[in-house]
PDB file of N, CA and C in Angstrom:
ATOM      1  N   UNK A   1     -17.551 -54.276 -26.420  1.00  0.00           N
ATOM      2  CA  UNK A   1     -16.248 -53.687 -26.651  1.00  0.00           C
ATOM      3  C   UNK A   1     -16.387 -52.232 -27.098  1.00  0.00           C
ATOM      4  N   UNK A   2     -17.266 -51.988 -28.096  1.00  0.00           N
ATOM      5  CA  UNK A   2     -17.452 -50.625 -28.578  1.00  0.00           C
ATOM      6  C   UNK A   2     -18.074 -49.732 -27.517  1.00  0.00           C
ATOM      7  N   UNK A   3     -19.011 -50.255 -26.740  1.00  0.00           N
ATOM      8  CA  UNK A   3     -19.633 -49.457 -25.677  1.00  0.00           C
ATOM      9  C   UNK A   3     -18.595 -49.053 -24.650  1.00  0.00           C
ATOM     10  N   UNK A   4     -17.706 -49.965 -24.293  1.00  0.00           N
ATOM     11  CA  UNK A   4     -16.637 -49.654 -23.350  1.00  0.00           C
ATOM     12  C   UNK A   4     -15.706 -48.597 -23.898  1.00  0.00           C
ATOM     13  N   UNK A   5     -15.411 -48.668 -25.183  1.00  0.00           N
ATOM     14  CA  UNK A   5     -14.540 -47.675 -25.811  1.00  0.00           C
ATOM     15  C   UNK A   5     -15.214 -46.309 -25.829  1.00  0.00           C
ATOM     16  N   UNK A   6     -16.525 -46.286 -26.101  1.00  0.00           N
ATOM     17  CA  UNK A   6     -17.246 -45.007 -26.118  1.00  0.00           C
ATOM     18  C   UNK A   6     -17.237 -44.370 -24.741  1.00  0.00           C
ATOM     19  N   UNK A   7     -17.451 -45.173 -23.706  1.00  0.00           N
ATOM     20  CA  UNK A   7     -17.420 -44.647 -22.338  1.00  0.00           C
ATOM     21  C   UNK A   7     -16.027 -44.126 -22.015  1.00  0.00           C
ATOM     22  N   UNK A   8     -15.000 -44.867 -22.401  1.00  0.00           N
ATOM     23  CA  UNK A   8     -13.624 -44.439 -22.144  1.00  0.00           C
ATOM     24  C   UNK A   8     -13.316 -43.139 -22.873  1.00  0.00           C
ATOM     25  N   UNK A   9     -13.826 -42.994 -24.077  1.00  0.00           N
ATOM     26  CA  UNK A   9     -13.586 -41.777 -24.841  1.00  0.00           C
ATOM     27  C   UNK A   9     -14.258 -40.584 -24.174  1.00  0.00           C
ATOM     28  N   UNK A  10     -15.467 -40.767 -23.656  1.00  0.00           N
ATOM     29  CA  UNK A  10     -16.142 -39.687 -22.941  1.00  0.00           C
ATOM     30  C   UNK A  10     -15.360 -39.330 -21.688  1.00  0.00           C
ATOM     31  N   UNK A  11     -14.831 -40.352 -20.983  1.00  0.00           N
ATOM     32  CA  UNK A  11     -14.038 -40.092 -19.782  1.00  0.00           C
ATOM     33  C   UNK A  11     -12.778 -39.312 -20.136  1.00  0.00           C
ATOM     34  N   UNK A  12     -12.109 -39.692 -21.211  1.00  0.00           N
ATOM     35  CA  UNK A  12     -10.920 -38.956 -21.637  1.00  0.00           C
ATOM     36  C   UNK A  12     -11.300 -37.520 -21.967  1.00  0.00           C
ATOM     37  N   UNK A  13     -12.435 -37.337 -22.621  1.00  0.00           N
ATOM     38  CA  UNK A  13     -12.891 -35.983 -22.933  1.00  0.00           C
ATOM     39  C   UNK A  13     -13.105 -35.171 -21.689  1.00  0.00           C
ATOM     40  N   UNK A  14     -13.665 -35.795 -20.665  1.00  0.00           N
ATOM     41  CA  UNK A  14     -13.886 -35.087 -19.397  1.00  0.00           C
ATOM     42  C   UNK A  14     -12.561 -34.720 -18.753  1.00  0.00           C
ATOM     43  N   UNK A  15     -11.588 -35.627 -18.803  1.00  0.00           N
ATOM     44  CA  UNK A  15     -10.278 -35.345 -18.226  1.00  0.00           C
ATOM     45  C   UNK A  15      -9.583 -34.246 -19.018  1.00  0.00           C
ATOM     46  N   UNK A  16      -9.684 -34.307 -20.339  1.00  0.00           N
ATOM     47  CA  UNK A  16      -9.065 -33.288 -21.177  1.00  0.00           C
ATOM     48  C   UNK A  16      -9.691 -31.924 -20.936  1.00  0.00           C
ATOM     49  N   UNK A  17     -10.908 -31.932 -20.461  1.00  0.00           N
ATOM     50  CA  UNK A  17     -11.653 -30.716 -20.220  1.00  0.00           C
ATOM     51  C   UNK A  17     -11.174 -29.952 -18.999  1.00  0.00           C
ATOM     52  N   UNK A  18     -10.563 -30.636 -18.024  1.00  0.00           N
ATOM     53  CA  UNK A  18     -10.130 -29.974 -16.795  1.00  0.00           C
ATOM     54  C   UNK A  18      -9.235 -28.797 -17.144  1.00  0.00           C
ATOM     55  N   UNK A  19      -9.555 -27.652 -16.626  1.00  0.00           N
ATOM     56  CA  UNK A  19      -8.791 -26.449 -16.924  1.00  0.00           C
ATOM     57  C   UNK A  19      -9.216 -25.774 -18.212  1.00  0.00           C
ATOM     58  N   UNK A  20     -10.048 -26.425 -18.993  1.00  0.00           N
ATOM     59  CA  UNK A  20     -10.460 -25.858 -20.261  1.00  0.00           C
ATOM     60  C   UNK A  20     -11.743 -25.065 -20.189  1.00  0.00           C
ATOM     61  N   UNK A  21     -12.455 -25.151 -19.088  1.00  0.00           N
ATOM     62  CA  UNK A  21     -13.707 -24.416 -18.951  1.00  0.00           C
ATOM     63  C   UNK A  21     -13.490 -23.105 -18.223  1.00  0.00           C
ATOM     64  N   UNK A  22     -14.241 -22.129 -18.580  1.00  0.00           N
ATOM     65  CA  UNK A  22     -14.289 -20.908 -17.804  1.00  0.00           C
ATOM     66  C   UNK A  22     -15.702 -20.367 -17.882  1.00  0.00           C
ATOM     67  N   UNK A  23     -16.179 -19.904 -16.757  1.00  0.00           N
ATOM     68  CA  UNK A  23     -17.546 -19.405 -16.692  1.00  0.00           C
ATOM     69  C   UNK A  23     -17.504 -17.891 -16.838  1.00  0.00           C
ATOM     70  N   UNK A  24     -18.226 -17.363 -17.755  1.00  0.00           N
ATOM     71  CA  UNK A  24     -18.214 -15.914 -17.955  1.00  0.00           C
ATOM     72  C   UNK A  24     -19.297 -15.245 -17.153  1.00  0.00           C
ATOM     73  N   UNK A  25     -20.389 -15.249 -17.173  1.00  0.00           N
ATOM     74  CA  UNK A  25     -21.299 -14.557 -16.265  1.00  0.00           C
ATOM     75  C   UNK A  25     -21.331 -13.054 -16.456  1.00  0.00           C
ATOM     76  N   UNK A  26     -20.301 -12.438 -17.027  1.00  0.00           N
ATOM     77  CA  UNK A  26     -20.279 -10.990 -17.228  1.00  0.00           C
ATOM     78  C   UNK A  26     -21.377 -10.577 -18.199  1.00  0.00           C
ATOM     79  N   UNK A  27     -21.515 -11.290 -19.295  1.00  0.00           N
ATOM     80  CA  UNK A  27     -22.577 -11.013 -20.253  1.00  0.00           C
ATOM     81  C   UNK A  27     -23.698 -12.044 -20.167  1.00  0.00           C
ATOM     82  N   UNK A  28     -23.621 -12.934 -19.200  1.00  0.00           N
ATOM     83  CA  UNK A  28     -24.663 -13.939 -19.025  1.00  0.00           C
ATOM     84  C   UNK A  28     -24.654 -15.014 -20.087  1.00  0.00           C
ATOM     85  N   UNK A  29     -23.536 -15.195 -20.749  1.00  0.00           N
ATOM     86  CA  UNK A  29     -23.499 -16.158 -21.849  1.00  0.00           C
ATOM     87  C   UNK A  29     -23.287 -17.590 -21.382  1.00  0.00           C
ATOM     88  N   UNK A  30     -23.126 -17.821 -20.093  1.00  0.00           N
ATOM     89  CA  UNK A  30     -22.999 -19.177 -19.583  1.00  0.00           C
ATOM     90  C   UNK A  30     -21.584 -19.696 -19.635  1.00  0.00           C
ATOM     91  N   UNK A  31     -21.467 -20.991 -19.813  1.00  0.00           N
ATOM     92  CA  UNK A  31     -20.179 -21.660 -19.797  1.00  0.00           C
ATOM     93  C   UNK A  31     -19.672 -21.846 -21.218  1.00  0.00           C
ATOM     94  N   UNK A  32     -18.412 -21.565 -21.416  1.00  0.00           N
ATOM     95  CA  UNK A  32     -17.789 -21.803 -22.710  1.00  0.00           C
ATOM     96  C   UNK A  32     -16.561 -22.673 -22.517  1.00  0.00           C
ATOM     97  N   UNK A  33     -16.215 -23.402 -23.541  1.00  0.00           N
ATOM     98  CA  UNK A  33     -15.042 -24.260 -23.530  1.00  0.00           C
ATOM     99  C   UNK A  33     -13.897 -23.532 -24.214  1.00  0.00           C
ATOM    100  N   UNK A  34     -12.745 -23.495 -23.582  1.00  0.00           N
ATOM    101  CA  UNK A  34     -11.567 -22.896 -24.196  1.00  0.00           C
ATOM    102  C   UNK A  34     -11.193 -23.730 -25.420  1.00  0.00           C
ATOM    103  N   UNK A  35     -11.197 -23.126 -26.586  1.00  0.00           N
ATOM    104  CA  UNK A  35     -10.978 -23.863 -27.824  1.00  0.00           C
ATOM    105  C   UNK A  35      -9.585 -24.499 -27.870  1.00  0.00           C
ATOM    106  N   UNK A  36      -8.600 -23.866 -27.263  1.00  0.00           N
ATOM    107  CA  UNK A  36      -7.252 -24.453 -27.230  1.00  0.00           C
ATOM    108  C   UNK A  36      -7.229 -25.749 -26.442  1.00  0.00           C
ATOM    109  N   UNK A  37      -7.947 -25.772 -25.322  1.00  0.00           N
ATOM    110  CA  UNK A  37      -8.045 -26.993 -24.535  1.00  0.00           C
ATOM    111  C   UNK A  37      -8.843 -28.059 -25.288  1.00  0.00           C
ATOM    112  N   UNK A  38      -9.868 -27.632 -26.010  1.00  0.00           N
ATOM    113  CA  UNK A  38     -10.651 -28.580 -26.808  1.00  0.00           C
ATOM    114  C   UNK A  38      -9.773 -29.221 -27.883  1.00  0.00           C
ATOM    115  N   UNK A  39      -8.952 -28.418 -28.540  1.00  0.00           N
ATOM    116  CA  UNK A  39      -8.078 -28.950 -29.583  1.00  0.00           C
ATOM    117  C   UNK A  39      -7.077 -29.948 -29.006  1.00  0.00           C
ATOM    118  N   UNK A  40      -6.549 -29.650 -27.828  1.00  0.00           N
ATOM    119  CA  UNK A  40      -5.623 -30.587 -27.172  1.00  0.00           C
ATOM    120  C   UNK A  40      -6.348 -31.877 -26.792  1.00  0.00           C
ATOM    121  N   UNK A  41      -7.576 -31.753 -26.289  1.00  0.00           N
ATOM    122  CA  UNK A  41      -8.358 -32.932 -25.913  1.00  0.00           C
ATOM    123  C   UNK A  41      -8.709 -33.791 -27.110  1.00  0.00           C
ATOM    124  N   UNK A  42      -9.099 -33.163 -28.200  1.00  0.00           N
ATOM    125  CA  UNK A  42      -9.429 -33.909 -29.422  1.00  0.00           C
ATOM    126  C   UNK A  42      -8.191 -34.632 -29.940  1.00  0.00           C
ATOM    127  N   UNK A  43      -7.055 -33.963 -29.927  1.00  0.00           N
ATOM    128  CA  UNK A  43      -5.800 -34.595 -30.356  1.00  0.00           C
ATOM    129  C   UNK A  43      -5.508 -35.829 -29.510  1.00  0.00           C
ATOM    130  N   UNK A  44      -5.663 -35.691 -28.195  1.00  0.00           N
ATOM    131  CA  UNK A  44      -5.417 -36.804 -27.274  1.00  0.00           C
ATOM    132  C   UNK A  44      -6.345 -37.981 -27.568  1.00  0.00           C
ATOM    133  N   UNK A  45      -7.630 -37.693 -27.731  1.00  0.00           N
ATOM    134  CA  UNK A  45      -8.606 -38.759 -27.969  1.00  0.00           C
ATOM    135  C   UNK A  45      -8.356 -39.453 -29.300  1.00  0.00           C
ATOM    136  N   UNK A  46      -8.038 -38.688 -30.328  1.00  0.00           N
ATOM    137  CA  UNK A  46      -7.784 -39.297 -31.641  1.00  0.00           C
ATOM    138  C   UNK A  46      -6.533 -40.159 -31.645  1.00  0.00           C
ATOM    139  N   UNK A  47      -5.520 -39.769 -30.894  1.00  0.00           N
ATOM    140  CA  UNK A  47      -4.244 -40.487 -30.955  1.00  0.00           C
ATOM    141  C   UNK A  47      -4.076 -41.565 -29.893  1.00  0.00           C
ATOM    142  N   UNK A  48      -4.872 -41.574 -28.844  1.00  0.00           N
ATOM    143  CA  UNK A  48      -4.714 -42.557 -27.771  1.00  0.00           C
ATOM    144  C   UNK A  48      -5.006 -43.972 -28.288  1.00  0.00           C
ATOM    145  N   UNK A  49      -4.018 -44.884 -28.228  1.00  0.00           N
ATOM    146  CA  UNK A  49      -4.204 -46.225 -28.776  1.00  0.00           C
ATOM    147  C   UNK A  49      -5.063 -47.145 -27.907  1.00  0.00           C
ATOM    148  N   UNK A  50      -5.251 -46.815 -26.644  1.00  0.00           N
ATOM    149  CA  UNK A  50      -6.011 -47.693 -25.750  1.00  0.00           C
ATOM    150  C   UNK A  50      -7.436 -47.199 -25.545  1.00  0.00           C
ATOM    151  N   UNK A  51      -7.593 -45.933 -25.179  1.00  0.00           N
ATOM    152  CA  UNK A  51      -8.915 -45.403 -24.868  1.00  0.00           C
ATOM    153  C   UNK A  51      -9.477 -44.483 -25.939  1.00  0.00           C
ATOM    154  N   UNK A  52      -8.765 -44.316 -27.030  1.00  0.00           N
ATOM    155  CA  UNK A  52      -9.218 -43.433 -28.095  1.00  0.00           C
ATOM    156  C   UNK A  52      -9.268 -44.175 -29.421  1.00  0.00           C
ATOM    157  N   UNK A  53      -8.999 -43.444 -30.493  1.00  0.00           N
ATOM    158  CA  UNK A  53      -9.076 -44.024 -31.830  1.00  0.00           C
ATOM    159  C   UNK A  53      -7.750 -44.560 -32.345  1.00  0.00           C
ATOM    160  N   UNK A  54      -6.653 -44.254 -31.698  1.00  0.00           N
ATOM    161  CA  UNK A  54      -5.355 -44.825 -32.049  1.00  0.00           C
ATOM    162  C   UNK A  54      -4.758 -44.341 -33.346  1.00  0.00           C
ATOM    163  N   UNK A  55      -5.090 -43.138 -33.777  1.00  0.00           N
ATOM    164  CA  UNK A  55      -4.501 -42.605 -35.010  1.00  0.00           C
ATOM    165  C   UNK A  55      -3.011 -42.360 -34.781  1.00  0.00           C
ATOM    166  N   UNK A  56      -2.204 -42.707 -35.755  1.00  0.00           N
ATOM    167  CA  UNK A  56      -0.750 -42.616 -35.612  1.00  0.00           C
ATOM    168  C   UNK A  56      -0.218 -41.192 -35.629  1.00  0.00           C
ATOM    169  N   UNK A  57      -0.697 -40.369 -36.525  1.00  0.00           N
ATOM    170  CA  UNK A  57      -0.149 -39.023 -36.700  1.00  0.00           C
ATOM    171  C   UNK A  57      -1.291 -38.020 -36.800  1.00  0.00           C
ATOM    172  N   UNK A  58      -1.575 -37.325 -35.695  1.00  0.00           N
ATOM    173  CA  UNK A  58      -2.640 -36.333 -35.649  1.00  0.00           C
ATOM    174  C   UNK A  58      -1.993 -34.955 -35.581  1.00  0.00           C
ATOM    175  N   UNK A  59      -2.358 -34.075 -36.506  1.00  0.00           N
ATOM    176  CA  UNK A  59      -1.784 -32.730 -36.510  1.00  0.00           C
ATOM    177  C   UNK A  59      -2.807 -31.731 -37.033  1.00  0.00           C
ATOM    178  N   UNK A  60      -2.444 -30.478 -37.004  1.00  0.00           N
ATOM    179  CA  UNK A  60      -3.250 -29.379 -37.545  1.00  0.00           C
ATOM    180  C   UNK A  60      -4.697 -29.429 -37.063  1.00  0.00           C
ATOM    181  N   UNK A  61      -4.895 -29.608 -35.760  1.00  0.00           N
ATOM    182  CA  UNK A  61      -6.246 -29.662 -35.203  1.00  0.00           C
ATOM    183  C   UNK A  61      -6.750 -28.234 -35.011  1.00  0.00           C
ATOM    184  N   UNK A  62      -7.854 -27.911 -35.656  1.00  0.00           N
ATOM    185  CA  UNK A  62      -8.462 -26.585 -35.565  1.00  0.00           C
ATOM    186  C   UNK A  62      -9.958 -26.776 -35.333  1.00  0.00           C
ATOM    187  N   UNK A  63     -10.414 -26.378 -34.135  1.00  0.00           N
ATOM    188  CA  UNK A  63     -11.812 -26.597 -33.762  1.00  0.00           C
ATOM    189  C   UNK A  63     -12.619 -25.307 -33.774  1.00  0.00           C
ATOM    190  N   UNK A  64     -13.853 -25.417 -34.199  1.00  0.00           N
ATOM    191  CA  UNK A  64     -14.854 -24.353 -34.119  1.00  0.00           C
ATOM    192  C   UNK A  64     -14.355 -23.030 -34.715  1.00  0.00           C
ATOM    193  N   UNK A  65     -13.563 -23.100 -35.741  1.00  0.00           N
ATOM    194  CA  UNK A  65     -13.054 -21.889 -36.371  1.00  0.00           C
ATOM    195  C   UNK A  65     -12.209 -21.027 -35.449  1.00  0.00           C
ATOM    196  N   UNK A  66     -11.651 -21.649 -34.393  1.00  0.00           N
ATOM    197  CA  UNK A  66     -10.814 -20.923 -33.445  1.00  0.00           C
ATOM    198  C   UNK A  66     -11.578 -20.170 -32.378  1.00  0.00           C
ATOM    199  N   UNK A  67     -12.907 -20.305 -32.350  1.00  0.00           N
ATOM    200  CA  UNK A  67     -13.732 -19.602 -31.365  1.00  0.00           C
ATOM    201  C   UNK A  67     -14.115 -20.534 -30.223  1.00  0.00           C
ATOM    202  N   UNK A  68     -14.172 -20.009 -29.001  1.00  0.00           N
ATOM    203  CA  UNK A  68     -14.588 -20.797 -27.848  1.00  0.00           C
ATOM    204  C   UNK A  68     -16.062 -21.164 -27.986  1.00  0.00           C
ATOM    205  N   UNK A  69     -16.386 -22.464 -28.033  1.00  0.00           N
ATOM    206  CA  UNK A  69     -17.795 -22.859 -28.176  1.00  0.00           C
ATOM    207  C   UNK A  69     -18.560 -22.747 -26.856  1.00  0.00           C
ATOM    208  N   UNK A  70     -19.812 -22.304 -26.938  1.00  0.00           N
ATOM    209  CA  UNK A  70     -20.680 -22.255 -25.767  1.00  0.00           C
ATOM    210  C   UNK A  70     -21.190 -23.662 -25.483  1.00  0.00           C
ATOM    211  N   UNK A  71     -21.159 -24.039 -24.213  1.00  0.00           N
ATOM    212  CA  UNK A  71     -21.578 -25.374 -23.795  1.00  0.00           C
ATOM    213  C   UNK A  71     -23.101 -25.437 -23.744  1.00  0.00           C
ATOM    214  N   UNK A  72     -23.672 -26.372 -24.515  1.00  0.00           N
ATOM    215  CA  UNK A  72     -25.106 -26.616 -24.506  1.00  0.00           C
ATOM    216  C   UNK A  72     -25.311 -28.099 -24.789  1.00  0.00           C
ATOM    217  N   UNK A  73     -25.991 -28.780 -23.877  1.00  0.00           N
ATOM    218  CA  UNK A  73     -26.203 -30.223 -23.992  1.00  0.00           C
ATOM    219  C   UNK A  73     -26.773 -30.571 -25.366  1.00  0.00           C
ATOM    220  N   UNK A  74     -26.158 -31.558 -26.013  1.00  0.00           N
ATOM    221  CA  UNK A  74     -26.616 -32.028 -27.312  1.00  0.00           C
ATOM    222  C   UNK A  74     -26.081 -31.234 -28.487  1.00  0.00           C
ATOM    223  N   UNK A  75     -25.524 -30.073 -28.222  1.00  0.00           N
ATOM    224  CA  UNK A  75     -24.936 -29.253 -29.283  1.00  0.00           C
ATOM    225  C   UNK A  75     -23.435 -29.510 -29.314  1.00  0.00           C
ATOM    226  N   UNK A  76     -22.778 -29.020 -30.299  1.00  0.00           N
ATOM    227  CA  UNK A  76     -21.342 -29.243 -30.376  1.00  0.00           C
ATOM    228  C   UNK A  76     -20.692 -28.397 -31.432  1.00  0.00           C
ATOM    229  N   UNK A  77     -19.592 -28.899 -31.948  1.00  0.00           N
ATOM    230  CA  UNK A  77     -18.812 -28.181 -32.933  1.00  0.00           C
ATOM    231  C   UNK A  77     -17.994 -29.197 -33.708  1.00  0.00           C
ATOM    232  N   UNK A  78     -17.369 -28.739 -34.779  1.00  0.00           N
ATOM    233  CA  UNK A  78     -16.533 -29.646 -35.566  1.00  0.00           C
ATOM    234  C   UNK A  78     -15.081 -29.190 -35.504  1.00  0.00           C
ATOM    235  N   UNK A  79     -14.202 -30.130 -35.759  1.00  0.00           N
ATOM    236  CA  UNK A  79     -12.769 -29.858 -35.797  1.00  0.00           C
ATOM    237  C   UNK A  79     -12.220 -30.365 -37.120  1.00  0.00           C
ATOM    238  N   UNK A  80     -11.403 -29.555 -37.738  1.00  0.00           N
ATOM    239  CA  UNK A  80     -10.666 -29.984 -38.927  1.00  0.00           C
ATOM    240  C   UNK A  80      -9.325 -30.503 -38.435  1.00  0.00           C
ATOM    241  N   UNK A  81      -8.958 -31.695 -38.875  1.00  0.00           N
ATOM    242  CA  UNK A  81      -7.711 -32.310 -38.426  1.00  0.00           C
ATOM    243  C   UNK A  81      -6.995 -32.945 -39.618  1.00  0.00           C
ATOM    244  N   UNK A  82      -5.723 -33.174 -39.434  1.00  0.00           N
ATOM    245  CA  UNK A  82      -4.962 -33.949 -40.405  1.00  0.00           C
ATOM    246  C   UNK A  82      -4.532 -35.222 -39.694  1.00  0.00           C
ATOM    247  N   UNK A  83      -4.942 -36.362 -40.243  1.00  0.00           N
ATOM    248  CA  UNK A  83      -4.621 -37.662 -39.659  1.00  0.00           C
ATOM    249  C   UNK A  83      -3.863 -38.472 -40.697  1.00  0.00           C
ATOM    250  N   UNK A  84      -2.635 -38.825 -40.351  1.00  0.00           N
ATOM    251  CA  UNK A  84      -1.772 -39.586 -41.260  1.00  0.00           C
ATOM    252  C   UNK A  84      -1.705 -38.928 -42.640  1.00  0.00           C
ATOM    253  N   UNK A  85      -1.633 -37.593 -42.655  1.00  0.00           N
ATOM    254  CA  UNK A  85      -1.491 -36.843 -43.893  1.00  0.00           C
ATOM    255  C   UNK A  85      -2.785 -36.509 -44.612  1.00  0.00           C
ATOM    256  N   UNK A  86      -3.904 -37.057 -44.172  1.00  0.00           N
ATOM    257  CA  UNK A  86      -5.185 -36.812 -44.839  1.00  0.00           C
ATOM    258  C   UNK A  86      -6.035 -35.841 -44.016  1.00  0.00           C
ATOM    259  N   UNK A  87      -6.637 -34.864 -44.691  1.00  0.00           N
ATOM    260  CA  UNK A  87      -7.514 -33.919 -44.008  1.00  0.00           C
ATOM    261  C   UNK A  87      -8.844 -34.605 -43.697  1.00  0.00           C
ATOM    262  N   UNK A  88      -9.270 -34.472 -42.431  1.00  0.00           N
ATOM    263  CA  UNK A  88     -10.500 -35.116 -41.974  1.00  0.00           C
ATOM    264  C   UNK A  88     -11.295 -34.117 -41.135  1.00  0.00           C
ATOM    265  N   UNK A  89     -12.529 -34.473 -40.812  1.00  0.00           N
ATOM    266  CA  UNK A  89     -13.382 -33.687 -39.929  1.00  0.00           C
ATOM    267  C   UNK A  89     -13.836 -34.575 -38.787  1.00  0.00           C
ATOM    268  N   UNK A  90     -13.895 -34.001 -37.597  1.00  0.00           N
ATOM    269  CA  UNK A  90     -14.327 -34.722 -36.405  1.00  0.00           C
ATOM    270  C   UNK A  90     -15.442 -33.907 -35.750  1.00  0.00           C
ATOM    271  N   UNK A  91     -16.510 -34.578 -35.362  1.00  0.00           N
ATOM    272  CA  UNK A  91     -17.624 -33.925 -34.669  1.00  0.00           C
ATOM    273  C   UNK A  91     -17.471 -34.102 -33.160  1.00  0.00           C
ATOM    274  N   UNK A  92     -17.743 -33.042 -32.412  1.00  0.00           N
ATOM    275  CA  UNK A  92     -17.666 -33.055 -30.959  1.00  0.00           C
ATOM    276  C   UNK A  92     -19.035 -32.630 -30.436  1.00  0.00           C
ATOM    277  N   UNK A  93     -19.592 -33.390 -29.466  1.00  0.00           N
ATOM    278  CA  UNK A  93     -20.921 -33.102 -28.926  1.00  0.00           C
ATOM    279  C   UNK A  93     -20.841 -33.012 -27.410  1.00  0.00           C
ATOM    280  N   UNK A  94     -21.469 -31.971 -26.849  1.00  0.00           N
ATOM    281  CA  UNK A  94     -21.521 -31.811 -25.395  1.00  0.00           C
ATOM    282  C   UNK A  94     -22.543 -32.767 -24.809  1.00  0.00           C
ATOM    283  N   UNK A  95     -22.150 -33.481 -23.751  1.00  0.00           N
ATOM    284  CA  UNK A  95     -23.017 -34.455 -23.096  1.00  0.00           C
ATOM    285  C   UNK A  95     -23.655 -33.937 -21.816  1.00  0.00           C
ATOM    286  N   UNK A  96     -23.154 -32.834 -21.265  1.00  0.00           N
ATOM    287  CA  UNK A  96     -23.768 -32.231 -20.077  1.00  0.00           C
ATOM    288  C   UNK A  96     -23.517 -30.728 -20.099  1.00  0.00           C
ATOM    289  N   UNK A  97     -24.080 -30.033 -19.123  1.00  0.00           N
ATOM    290  CA  UNK A  97     -23.979 -28.572 -19.119  1.00  0.00           C
ATOM    291  C   UNK A  97     -22.706 -28.039 -18.479  1.00  0.00           C
ATOM    292  N   UNK A  98     -21.797 -28.923 -18.069  1.00  0.00           N
ATOM    293  CA  UNK A  98     -20.513 -28.469 -17.530  1.00  0.00           C
ATOM    294  C   UNK A  98     -19.395 -28.620 -18.554  1.00  0.00           C
ATOM    295  N   UNK A  99     -19.707 -29.160 -19.713  1.00  0.00           N
ATOM    296  CA  UNK A  99     -18.729 -29.210 -20.791  1.00  0.00           C
ATOM    297  C   UNK A  99     -18.125 -30.555 -21.102  1.00  0.00           C
ATOM    298  N   UNK A 100     -18.611 -31.631 -20.500  1.00  0.00           N
ATOM    299  CA  UNK A 100     -18.121 -32.956 -20.867  1.00  0.00           C
ATOM    300  C   UNK A 100     -18.511 -33.199 -22.323  1.00  0.00           C
ATOM    301  N   UNK A 101     -17.549 -33.628 -23.116  1.00  0.00           N
ATOM    302  CA  UNK A 101     -17.849 -33.809 -24.521  1.00  0.00           C
ATOM    303  C   UNK A 101     -17.427 -35.185 -25.018  1.00  0.00           C
ATOM    304  N   UNK A 102     -18.014 -35.554 -26.146  1.00  0.00           N
ATOM    305  CA  UNK A 102     -17.747 -36.827 -26.796  1.00  0.00           C
ATOM    306  C   UNK A 102     -17.190 -36.524 -28.176  1.00  0.00           C
ATOM    307  N   UNK A 103     -16.168 -37.250 -28.559  1.00  0.00           N
ATOM    308  CA  UNK A 103     -15.539 -37.040 -29.862  1.00  0.00           C
ATOM    309  C   UNK A 103     -15.895 -38.208 -30.778  1.00  0.00           C
ATOM    310  N   UNK A 104     -16.516 -37.897 -31.897  1.00  0.00           N
ATOM    311  CA  UNK A 104     -16.888 -38.907 -32.875  1.00  0.00           C
ATOM    312  C   UNK A 104     -15.663 -39.287 -33.705  1.00  0.00           C
ATOM    313  N   UNK A 105     -15.729 -40.404 -34.363  1.00  0.00           N
ATOM    314  CA  UNK A 105     -14.615 -40.845 -35.202  1.00  0.00           C
ATOM    315  C   UNK A 105     -14.393 -39.921 -36.385  1.00  0.00           C
ATOM    316  N   UNK A 106     -13.178 -39.884 -36.894  1.00  0.00           N
ATOM    317  CA  UNK A 106     -12.867 -39.010 -38.035  1.00  0.00           C
ATOM    318  C   UNK A 106     -13.643 -39.414 -39.277  1.00  0.00           C
ATOM    319  N   UNK A 107     -14.031 -38.404 -40.058  1.00  0.00           N
ATOM    320  CA  UNK A 107     -14.766 -38.655 -41.310  1.00  0.00           C
ATOM    321  C   UNK A 107     -13.993 -38.072 -42.451  1.00  0.00           C
TER     322      UNK A 107
END
């Protein structure tokens, strides 16, 4: 059950990622994830009752200090969120070099 949920969460992250990536190449910095799209994706994953964590009230999602994170496999960033009125932190980790990410449970 948990393995299926983890796979579903990664799939949701990949779907949330569509439109959120942009390749820069101008300075050779590689691929970065648009932080606004990441925040929307994290909100979706945290609040989705079927394929996510099912949190009732997710707000004030702020990821990576508002900066677009560079995509690097195994690396990630954190998001500060408010869930049901309580301030929490969520870890996000990149699973491939195109920006598919996994969202860990709130801490």
